[in-house]
C-alpha cells in the first residue's frame, strides 16, 4: 500500500482551479460565466464567515433579512465566491442586500446556480448549518448550567443572585 504524500494532496487540490464556461443569455446577447464546480474548504470557510458577518451587521443596523431569504442569500454568496460574476465591492449592508434582491429576481441567478454541482452546494449548506447547530448546542449548555446554578442549595444566595429592587425591604 502506498503512503499519501503532500505532493499527491497538492495535485488533488488543483481541481479547485478548474472551471466550466456556462453560456447565459442577457437580453439579446450571450455571455459566458466561469463556474468553479469544486469548492475548496478554505473558500467555503470564507464564504460562511462573510455570510454570518452580513447577517450580524444587518441585525446591528436593523436591516431585516427574512428567514425565507437566507438560503437564497447563501446562493448569492456561492455565486460571488465560485463564479466570475462581477458583484458589488461595497461593504454597506443595504447595497449588498439590494444587489442580492436584484439577483434573486433574475432568472440568470437560478441558471448559474443550477450550473453548479449539487454536491458542492450541499457542502456549503452543511458547513453553514454546522455553525448554527454548534451555536444551538452551546446555548443549550449555557441554559443548563444556569438552571443548575439556580437550583443549588446555597446558604448565601444573595451573593450569586442579588435581590431585585422589588425584593429589597424598605427601611
N, C-alpha and C. Protein backbone atom coordinates (compact mmCIF):
# COMPACT_ATOMS: atom_id res chain seq x y z
N UNK A 1 0.85 -1.18 0.00
CA UNK A 1 0.00 0.00 0.00
C UNK A 1 0.90 1.24 0.00
N UNK A 2 0.55 2.19 -0.85
CA UNK A 2 1.34 3.42 -0.99
C UNK A 2 0.92 4.45 0.04
N UNK A 3 1.89 5.16 0.57
CA UNK A 3 1.62 6.21 1.55
C UNK A 3 1.25 7.50 0.83
N UNK A 4 0.31 8.24 1.38
CA UNK A 4 -0.10 9.52 0.79
C UNK A 4 1.00 10.55 1.06
N UNK A 5 1.27 11.34 0.04
CA UNK A 5 2.28 12.38 0.18
C UNK A 5 1.63 13.75 0.00
N UNK A 6 2.31 14.77 0.44
CA UNK A 6 1.80 16.13 0.25
C UNK A 6 1.75 16.48 -1.23
N UNK A 7 2.62 15.89 -2.02
CA UNK A 7 2.58 16.11 -3.47
C UNK A 7 1.26 15.61 -4.06
N UNK A 8 0.80 14.47 -3.57
CA UNK A 8 -0.49 13.93 -4.03
C UNK A 8 -1.63 14.87 -3.64
N UNK A 9 -1.56 15.38 -2.43
CA UNK A 9 -2.60 16.30 -1.96
C UNK A 9 -2.58 17.58 -2.77
N UNK A 10 -1.40 18.10 -3.03
CA UNK A 10 -1.26 19.31 -3.83
C UNK A 10 -1.83 19.11 -5.23
N UNK A 11 -1.56 17.97 -5.81
CA UNK A 11 -2.09 17.65 -7.14
C UNK A 11 -3.60 17.55 -7.10
N UNK A 12 -4.14 16.92 -6.09
CA UNK A 12 -5.59 16.79 -5.95
C UNK A 12 -6.24 18.16 -5.77
N UNK A 13 -5.58 19.06 -5.07
CA UNK A 13 -6.13 20.41 -4.83
C UNK A 13 -6.20 21.26 -6.10
N UNK A 14 -5.56 20.82 -7.16
CA UNK A 14 -5.62 21.56 -8.43
C UNK A 14 -7.05 21.61 -8.97
N UNK A 15 -7.89 20.67 -8.56
CA UNK A 15 -9.28 20.66 -9.04
C UNK A 15 -10.02 21.94 -8.66
N UNK A 16 -9.58 22.62 -7.60
CA UNK A 16 -10.24 23.85 -7.17
C UNK A 16 -10.00 25.01 -8.13
N UNK A 17 -9.04 24.84 -9.04
CA UNK A 17 -8.76 25.88 -10.03
C UNK A 17 -9.49 25.62 -11.35
N UNK A 18 -10.08 24.43 -11.48
CA UNK A 18 -10.79 24.08 -12.72
C UNK A 18 -12.07 24.91 -12.81
N UNK A 19 -12.46 25.22 -14.04
CA UNK A 19 -13.71 25.93 -14.24
C UNK A 19 -14.40 25.42 -15.49
N UNK A 20 -15.69 25.71 -15.54
CA UNK A 20 -16.54 25.37 -16.68
C UNK A 20 -17.12 26.68 -17.17
N UNK A 21 -17.21 26.83 -18.48
CA UNK A 21 -17.82 28.03 -19.03
C UNK A 21 -19.29 27.76 -19.31
N UNK A 22 -20.14 28.60 -18.76
CA UNK A 22 -21.59 28.46 -18.91
C UNK A 22 -22.11 29.63 -19.72
N UNK A 23 -22.64 29.37 -20.92
CA UNK A 23 -23.22 30.48 -21.70
C UNK A 23 -24.57 30.88 -21.10
N UNK A 24 -24.75 32.18 -20.90
CA UNK A 24 -26.02 32.69 -20.36
C UNK A 24 -26.50 33.86 -21.21
N UNK A 25 -27.78 33.83 -21.56
CA UNK A 25 -28.33 34.95 -22.34
C UNK A 25 -28.70 36.12 -21.42
N UNK A 26 -28.30 37.31 -21.81
CA UNK A 26 -28.68 38.53 -21.10
C UNK A 26 -29.24 39.46 -22.16
N UNK A 27 -30.54 39.64 -22.13
CA UNK A 27 -31.19 40.43 -23.17
C UNK A 27 -31.04 39.72 -24.50
N UNK A 28 -30.51 40.41 -25.50
CA UNK A 28 -30.33 39.79 -26.81
C UNK A 28 -28.88 39.36 -27.06
N UNK A 29 -28.05 39.36 -26.01
CA UNK A 29 -26.66 38.93 -26.13
C UNK A 29 -26.42 37.69 -25.28
N UNK A 30 -25.35 37.00 -25.62
CA UNK A 30 -24.97 35.83 -24.82
C UNK A 30 -23.60 36.10 -24.19
N UNK A 31 -23.50 35.81 -22.91
CA UNK A 31 -22.26 35.99 -22.17
C UNK A 31 -21.82 34.64 -21.63
N UNK A 32 -20.57 34.57 -21.21
CA UNK A 32 -20.05 33.34 -20.63
C UNK A 32 -19.68 33.61 -19.18
N UNK A 33 -20.18 32.75 -18.31
CA UNK A 33 -19.85 32.83 -16.88
C UNK A 33 -18.95 31.65 -16.56
N UNK A 34 -17.82 31.94 -15.93
CA UNK A 34 -16.94 30.87 -15.47
C UNK A 34 -17.47 30.36 -14.14
N UNK A 35 -17.65 29.07 -14.06
CA UNK A 35 -18.13 28.42 -12.83
C UNK A 35 -17.02 27.50 -12.33
N UNK A 36 -16.72 27.62 -11.06
CA UNK A 36 -15.73 26.75 -10.43
C UNK A 36 -16.52 25.67 -9.67
N UNK A 37 -16.63 24.46 -10.24
CA UNK A 37 -17.53 23.45 -9.67
C UNK A 37 -17.05 22.80 -8.38
N UNK A 38 -15.74 22.86 -8.12
CA UNK A 38 -15.21 22.26 -6.90
C UNK A 38 -14.93 23.36 -5.89
N UNK A 39 -15.52 23.24 -4.73
CA UNK A 39 -15.44 24.27 -3.70
C UNK A 39 -14.38 23.91 -2.69
N UNK A 40 -13.33 24.70 -2.62
CA UNK A 40 -12.28 24.42 -1.65
C UNK A 40 -12.80 24.74 -0.24
N UNK A 41 -12.39 23.92 0.73
CA UNK A 41 -12.82 24.17 2.11
C UNK A 41 -12.45 25.58 2.59
N UNK A 42 -11.31 26.08 2.15
CA UNK A 42 -10.87 27.41 2.57
C UNK A 42 -11.84 28.50 2.06
N UNK A 43 -12.24 28.41 0.79
CA UNK A 43 -13.17 29.40 0.24
C UNK A 43 -14.56 29.24 0.85
N UNK A 44 -14.95 28.01 1.16
CA UNK A 44 -16.24 27.79 1.82
C UNK A 44 -16.22 28.43 3.20
N UNK A 45 -15.11 28.30 3.90
CA UNK A 45 -14.98 28.94 5.21
C UNK A 45 -15.11 30.46 5.08
N UNK A 46 -14.45 31.03 4.08
CA UNK A 46 -14.52 32.48 3.87
C UNK A 46 -15.94 32.90 3.52
N UNK A 47 -16.60 32.12 2.68
CA UNK A 47 -18.00 32.39 2.32
C UNK A 47 -18.87 32.38 3.57
N UNK A 48 -18.72 31.33 4.37
CA UNK A 48 -19.51 31.19 5.60
C UNK A 48 -19.28 32.37 6.53
N UNK A 49 -18.02 32.78 6.69
CA UNK A 49 -17.72 33.91 7.57
C UNK A 49 -18.35 35.20 7.05
N UNK A 50 -18.26 35.42 5.74
CA UNK A 50 -18.84 36.63 5.17
C UNK A 50 -20.37 36.61 5.29
N UNK A 51 -20.96 35.46 5.08
CA UNK A 51 -22.42 35.30 5.21
C UNK A 51 -22.87 35.65 6.64
N UNK A 52 -22.20 35.07 7.63
CA UNK A 52 -22.58 35.34 9.03
C UNK A 52 -22.28 36.78 9.43
N UNK A 53 -21.20 37.34 8.91
CA UNK A 53 -20.89 38.74 9.20
C UNK A 53 -21.97 39.64 8.60
N UNK A 54 -22.42 39.31 7.40
CA UNK A 54 -23.50 40.07 6.77
C UNK A 54 -24.75 40.04 7.65
N UNK A 55 -25.14 38.85 8.11
CA UNK A 55 -26.35 38.73 8.95
C UNK A 55 -26.19 39.49 10.26
N UNK A 56 -25.02 39.42 10.87
CA UNK A 56 -24.79 40.13 12.13
C UNK A 56 -24.84 41.63 11.93
N UNK A 57 -24.19 42.12 10.89
CA UNK A 57 -24.18 43.56 10.62
C UNK A 57 -25.59 44.03 10.26
N UNK A 58 -26.31 43.22 9.50
CA UNK A 58 -27.69 43.57 9.14
C UNK A 58 -28.53 43.71 10.41
N UNK A 59 -28.35 42.78 11.33
CA UNK A 59 -29.09 42.85 12.60
C UNK A 59 -28.70 44.10 13.39
N UNK A 60 -27.39 44.39 13.46
CA UNK A 60 -26.91 45.57 14.18
C UNK A 60 -27.46 46.86 13.56
N UNK A 61 -27.59 46.87 12.23
CA UNK A 61 -28.06 48.06 11.53
C UNK A 61 -29.58 48.06 11.33
N UNK A 62 -30.24 47.08 11.94
CA UNK A 62 -31.71 46.97 11.89
C UNK A 62 -32.23 46.80 10.46
N UNK A 63 -31.47 46.08 9.63
CA UNK A 63 -31.94 45.71 8.29
C UNK A 63 -32.47 44.29 8.42
N UNK A 64 -33.76 44.13 8.24
CA UNK A 64 -34.38 42.83 8.45
C UNK A 64 -34.20 41.94 7.22
N UNK A 65 -33.61 40.77 7.45
CA UNK A 65 -33.45 39.76 6.41
C UNK A 65 -34.41 38.63 6.76
N UNK A 66 -35.50 38.49 6.00
CA UNK A 66 -36.47 37.44 6.32
C UNK A 66 -35.83 36.05 6.29
N UNK A 67 -36.25 35.20 7.19
CA UNK A 67 -35.72 33.84 7.29
C UNK A 67 -35.84 33.11 5.95
N UNK A 68 -36.92 33.34 5.24
CA UNK A 68 -37.17 32.67 3.97
C UNK A 68 -36.13 33.01 2.90
N UNK A 69 -35.43 34.13 3.05
CA UNK A 69 -34.43 34.56 2.07
C UNK A 69 -33.02 34.07 2.39
N UNK A 70 -32.83 33.47 3.54
CA UNK A 70 -31.47 33.15 3.97
C UNK A 70 -30.80 32.07 3.11
N UNK A 71 -31.55 31.06 2.68
CA UNK A 71 -30.95 30.06 1.79
C UNK A 71 -30.62 30.68 0.44
N UNK A 72 -31.49 31.57 -0.04
CA UNK A 72 -31.19 32.27 -1.30
C UNK A 72 -29.96 33.16 -1.13
N UNK A 73 -29.80 33.73 0.04
CA UNK A 73 -28.63 34.56 0.30
C UNK A 73 -27.35 33.72 0.24
N UNK A 74 -27.44 32.49 0.71
CA UNK A 74 -26.30 31.58 0.58
C UNK A 74 -25.97 31.39 -0.90
N UNK A 75 -27.01 31.22 -1.73
CA UNK A 75 -26.80 31.09 -3.17
C UNK A 75 -26.10 32.31 -3.75
N UNK A 76 -26.49 33.48 -3.28
CA UNK A 76 -25.85 34.72 -3.72
C UNK A 76 -24.34 34.68 -3.42
N UNK A 77 -24.00 34.25 -2.21
CA UNK A 77 -22.58 34.18 -1.84
C UNK A 77 -21.85 33.07 -2.60
N UNK A 78 -22.54 31.98 -2.92
CA UNK A 78 -21.93 30.93 -3.73
C UNK A 78 -21.55 31.50 -5.09
N UNK A 79 -22.46 32.26 -5.69
CA UNK A 79 -22.16 32.88 -6.98
C UNK A 79 -20.99 33.84 -6.85
N UNK A 80 -20.96 34.58 -5.76
CA UNK A 80 -19.87 35.52 -5.54
C UNK A 80 -18.52 34.81 -5.44
N UNK A 81 -18.48 33.69 -4.73
CA UNK A 81 -17.22 33.01 -4.46
C UNK A 81 -16.81 32.00 -5.53
N UNK A 82 -17.77 31.43 -6.26
CA UNK A 82 -17.43 30.33 -7.16
C UNK A 82 -17.81 30.57 -8.62
N UNK A 83 -17.95 31.84 -8.99
CA UNK A 83 -18.11 32.21 -10.39
C UNK A 83 -17.31 33.49 -10.62
N UNK A 84 -17.28 33.92 -11.86
CA UNK A 84 -16.60 35.18 -12.14
C UNK A 84 -17.59 36.32 -12.37
N UNK A 85 -18.81 36.17 -11.89
CA UNK A 85 -19.80 37.24 -11.99
C UNK A 85 -19.32 38.42 -11.16
N UNK A 86 -19.29 39.59 -11.77
CA UNK A 86 -18.84 40.80 -11.07
C UNK A 86 -19.96 41.26 -10.13
N UNK A 87 -19.59 41.43 -8.88
CA UNK A 87 -20.56 41.84 -7.87
C UNK A 87 -20.03 43.07 -7.15
N UNK A 88 -20.90 43.71 -6.39
CA UNK A 88 -20.51 44.93 -5.69
C UNK A 88 -19.32 44.68 -4.76
N UNK A 89 -18.48 45.68 -4.66
CA UNK A 89 -17.36 45.61 -3.72
C UNK A 89 -17.71 46.40 -2.45
N UNK A 90 -18.91 46.95 -2.43
CA UNK A 90 -19.36 47.73 -1.28
C UNK A 90 -19.46 46.84 -0.04
N UNK A 91 -19.20 47.43 1.09
CA UNK A 91 -19.35 46.74 2.37
C UNK A 91 -20.66 47.14 3.05
N UNK A 92 -21.40 48.04 2.44
CA UNK A 92 -22.65 48.51 3.02
C UNK A 92 -23.74 47.45 2.89
N UNK A 93 -24.36 47.14 4.00
CA UNK A 93 -25.38 46.09 4.05
C UNK A 93 -26.53 46.39 3.10
N UNK A 94 -27.00 47.62 3.09
CA UNK A 94 -28.13 47.96 2.23
C UNK A 94 -27.78 47.79 0.75
N UNK A 95 -26.56 48.10 0.37
CA UNK A 95 -26.12 47.94 -1.02
C UNK A 95 -26.05 46.46 -1.38
N UNK A 96 -25.45 45.67 -0.51
CA UNK A 96 -25.34 44.22 -0.75
C UNK A 96 -26.73 43.60 -0.81
N UNK A 97 -27.59 43.98 0.11
CA UNK A 97 -28.94 43.40 0.16
C UNK A 97 -29.73 43.79 -1.10
N UNK A 98 -29.58 45.01 -1.56
CA UNK A 98 -30.27 45.45 -2.78
C UNK A 98 -29.77 44.65 -3.98
N UNK A 99 -28.45 44.42 -4.05
CA UNK A 99 -27.90 43.62 -5.14
C UNK A 99 -28.40 42.19 -5.06
N UNK A 100 -28.45 41.65 -3.85
CA UNK A 100 -28.98 40.29 -3.66
C UNK A 100 -30.42 40.21 -4.17
N UNK A 101 -31.25 41.19 -3.83
CA UNK A 101 -32.65 41.18 -4.27
C UNK A 101 -32.74 41.21 -5.79
N UNK A 102 -31.87 41.98 -6.44
CA UNK A 102 -31.85 42.01 -7.90
C UNK A 102 -31.47 40.63 -8.44
N UNK A 103 -30.44 40.02 -7.85
CA UNK A 103 -30.01 38.70 -8.29
C UNK A 103 -31.12 37.67 -8.08
N UNK A 104 -31.77 37.75 -6.95
CA UNK A 104 -32.84 36.81 -6.61
C UNK A 104 -33.98 36.88 -7.62
N UNK A 105 -34.28 38.07 -8.11
CA UNK A 105 -35.38 38.25 -9.04
C UNK A 105 -34.97 38.05 -10.50
N UNK A 106 -33.75 37.66 -10.73
CA UNK A 106 -33.27 37.44 -12.09
C UNK A 106 -33.24 35.94 -12.39
N UNK A 107 -33.79 35.53 -13.52
CA UNK A 107 -33.69 34.11 -13.89
C UNK A 107 -32.24 33.66 -14.10
N UNK A 108 -31.35 34.60 -14.36
CA UNK A 108 -29.93 34.26 -14.55
C UNK A 108 -29.32 33.70 -13.27
N UNK A 109 -29.75 34.23 -12.14
CA UNK A 109 -29.28 33.76 -10.83
C UNK A 109 -29.54 32.26 -10.72
N UNK A 110 -30.73 31.85 -11.07
CA UNK A 110 -31.11 30.44 -10.99
C UNK A 110 -30.34 29.60 -12.01
N UNK A 111 -30.17 30.12 -13.23
CA UNK A 111 -29.42 29.40 -14.27
C UNK A 111 -27.99 29.13 -13.80
N UNK A 112 -27.36 30.13 -13.24
CA UNK A 112 -25.97 29.98 -12.78
C UNK A 112 -25.91 28.99 -11.61
N UNK A 113 -26.82 29.10 -10.66
CA UNK A 113 -26.83 28.17 -9.53
C UNK A 113 -27.06 26.73 -10.00
N UNK A 114 -27.95 26.55 -10.96
CA UNK A 114 -28.21 25.20 -11.47
C UNK A 114 -27.03 24.65 -12.25
N UNK A 115 -26.12 25.53 -12.68
CA UNK A 115 -24.91 25.09 -13.37
C UNK A 115 -23.85 24.54 -12.43
N UNK A 116 -24.05 24.73 -11.13
CA UNK A 116 -23.09 24.24 -10.13
C UNK A 116 -23.48 22.83 -9.67
N UNK A 117 -22.51 21.99 -9.36
CA UNK A 117 -22.83 20.64 -8.90
C UNK A 117 -23.59 20.65 -7.57
N UNK A 118 -24.60 19.82 -7.50
CA UNK A 118 -25.44 19.74 -6.31
C UNK A 118 -24.62 19.40 -5.06
N UNK A 119 -23.65 18.48 -5.21
CA UNK A 119 -22.87 18.09 -4.03
C UNK A 119 -22.02 19.25 -3.50
N UNK A 120 -21.58 20.14 -4.38
CA UNK A 120 -20.84 21.31 -3.93
C UNK A 120 -21.75 22.26 -3.16
N UNK A 121 -22.95 22.46 -3.67
CA UNK A 121 -23.92 23.33 -2.99
C UNK A 121 -24.31 22.75 -1.63
N UNK A 122 -24.51 21.45 -1.58
CA UNK A 122 -24.85 20.80 -0.31
C UNK A 122 -23.73 20.96 0.71
N UNK A 123 -22.49 20.88 0.25
CA UNK A 123 -21.33 21.05 1.13
C UNK A 123 -21.36 22.43 1.79
N UNK A 124 -21.66 23.47 1.02
CA UNK A 124 -21.73 24.83 1.56
C UNK A 124 -22.84 24.90 2.60
N UNK A 125 -24.01 24.39 2.27
CA UNK A 125 -25.14 24.44 3.21
C UNK A 125 -24.83 23.68 4.49
N UNK A 126 -24.19 22.52 4.36
CA UNK A 126 -23.81 21.75 5.55
C UNK A 126 -22.87 22.54 6.44
N UNK A 127 -21.88 23.19 5.86
CA UNK A 127 -20.92 23.96 6.65
C UNK A 127 -21.58 25.15 7.33
N UNK A 128 -22.52 25.79 6.66
CA UNK A 128 -23.21 26.93 7.27
C UNK A 128 -24.11 26.47 8.40
N UNK A 129 -24.85 25.39 8.16
CA UNK A 129 -25.77 24.91 9.20
C UNK A 129 -25.04 24.23 10.35
N UNK A 130 -23.83 23.76 10.10
CA UNK A 130 -22.99 23.19 11.15
C UNK A 130 -22.74 24.23 12.25
N UNK A 131 -22.48 25.45 11.86
CA UNK A 131 -22.24 26.53 12.81
C UNK A 131 -23.51 26.81 13.61
N UNK A 132 -24.66 26.81 12.95
CA UNK A 132 -25.93 27.03 13.65
C UNK A 132 -26.14 25.97 14.72
N UNK A 133 -25.86 24.72 14.36
CA UNK A 133 -26.05 23.61 15.31
C UNK A 133 -25.11 23.74 16.50
N UNK A 134 -23.87 24.11 16.24
CA UNK A 134 -22.91 24.29 17.33
C UNK A 134 -23.38 25.41 18.25
N UNK A 135 -23.86 26.51 17.68
CA UNK A 135 -24.37 27.63 18.48
C UNK A 135 -25.56 27.23 19.32
N UNK A 136 -26.46 26.45 18.74
CA UNK A 136 -27.65 25.99 19.47
C UNK A 136 -27.25 25.08 20.63
N UNK A 137 -26.29 24.17 20.38
CA UNK A 137 -25.82 23.29 21.46
C UNK A 137 -25.16 24.09 22.57
N UNK A 138 -24.36 25.09 22.20
CA UNK A 138 -23.68 25.94 23.17
C UNK A 138 -24.69 26.69 24.02
N UNK A 139 -25.71 27.27 23.38
CA UNK A 139 -26.76 27.98 24.13
C UNK A 139 -27.50 27.03 25.07
N UNK A 140 -27.74 25.81 24.62
CA UNK A 140 -28.42 24.82 25.46
C UNK A 140 -27.56 24.47 26.68
N UNK A 141 -26.26 24.33 26.49
CA UNK A 141 -25.36 24.03 27.61
C UNK A 141 -25.33 25.20 28.61
N UNK A 142 -25.32 26.42 28.11
CA UNK A 142 -25.33 27.60 28.99
C UNK A 142 -26.63 27.61 29.79
N UNK A 143 -27.75 27.35 29.13
CA UNK A 143 -29.05 27.34 29.81
C UNK A 143 -29.08 26.26 30.92
N UNK A 144 -28.53 25.08 30.62
CA UNK A 144 -28.47 24.00 31.61
C UNK A 144 -27.63 24.43 32.81
N UNK A 145 -26.46 25.02 32.55
CA UNK A 145 -25.58 25.46 33.63
C UNK A 145 -26.26 26.52 34.49
N UNK A 146 -26.97 27.45 33.86
CA UNK A 146 -27.67 28.48 34.61
C UNK A 146 -28.76 27.88 35.48
N UNK A 147 -29.48 26.89 34.96
CA UNK A 147 -30.52 26.22 35.76
C UNK A 147 -29.91 25.49 36.94
N UNK A 148 -28.77 24.81 36.72
CA UNK A 148 -28.11 24.10 37.82
C UNK A 148 -27.66 25.06 38.91
N UNK A 149 -27.14 26.20 38.51
CA UNK A 149 -26.70 27.20 39.49
C UNK A 149 -27.91 27.73 40.26
N UNK A 150 -29.01 27.97 39.57
CA UNK A 150 -30.22 28.47 40.22
C UNK A 150 -30.73 27.46 41.26
N UNK A 151 -30.56 26.17 40.98
CA UNK A 151 -31.10 25.14 41.86
C UNK A 151 -30.14 24.71 42.97
N UNK A 152 -28.96 25.30 43.05
CA UNK A 152 -28.02 24.96 44.11
C UNK A 152 -28.59 25.40 45.47
N UNK A 153 -28.37 24.56 46.47
CA UNK A 153 -28.81 24.89 47.82
C UNK A 153 -27.68 25.65 48.50
N UNK A 154 -27.76 26.96 48.44
CA UNK A 154 -26.71 27.80 48.97
C UNK A 154 -27.19 28.55 50.21
N UNK A 155 -26.28 28.73 51.16
CA UNK A 155 -26.63 29.48 52.37
C UNK A 155 -26.75 30.96 52.06
N UNK A 156 -25.89 31.48 51.24
CA UNK A 156 -25.87 32.91 50.96
C UNK A 156 -26.18 33.16 49.48
N UNK A 157 -27.41 32.89 49.07
CA UNK A 157 -27.82 33.00 47.67
C UNK A 157 -27.70 34.44 47.15
N UNK A 158 -27.77 35.42 48.06
CA UNK A 158 -27.73 36.82 47.63
C UNK A 158 -26.40 37.20 46.97
N UNK A 159 -25.35 36.43 47.22
CA UNK A 159 -24.06 36.72 46.61
C UNK A 159 -24.15 36.46 45.10
N UNK A 160 -24.71 35.31 44.73
CA UNK A 160 -24.84 34.98 43.31
C UNK A 160 -26.06 35.63 42.67
N UNK A 161 -27.13 35.73 43.42
CA UNK A 161 -28.38 36.25 42.89
C UNK A 161 -28.88 37.39 43.76
N UNK A 162 -28.34 38.60 43.56
CA UNK A 162 -28.76 39.72 44.41
C UNK A 162 -30.26 39.98 44.23
N UNK A 163 -30.91 40.39 45.29
CA UNK A 163 -32.35 40.64 45.19
C UNK A 163 -32.62 41.81 44.24
N UNK A 164 -33.73 41.73 43.56
CA UNK A 164 -34.13 42.84 42.70
C UNK A 164 -34.68 43.95 43.58
N UNK A 165 -34.90 45.13 43.00
CA UNK A 165 -35.39 46.27 43.79
C UNK A 165 -36.71 45.95 44.48
N UNK A 166 -37.54 45.15 43.84
CA UNK A 166 -38.84 44.82 44.44
C UNK A 166 -38.70 43.92 45.65
N UNK A 167 -37.59 43.17 45.72
CA UNK A 167 -37.39 42.25 46.83
C UNK A 167 -36.69 42.87 48.02
N UNK A 168 -36.13 44.05 47.88
CA UNK A 168 -35.40 44.70 48.97
C UNK A 168 -36.42 45.36 49.90
N UNK A 169 -36.41 44.97 51.19
CA UNK A 169 -37.38 45.55 52.12
C UNK A 169 -37.05 47.03 52.37
N UNK A 170 -38.09 47.82 52.49
CA UNK A 170 -37.92 49.25 52.77
C UNK A 170 -37.65 49.44 54.26
N UNK A 171 -36.83 50.39 54.59
CA UNK A 171 -36.48 50.64 55.98
C UNK A 171 -37.18 51.88 56.48
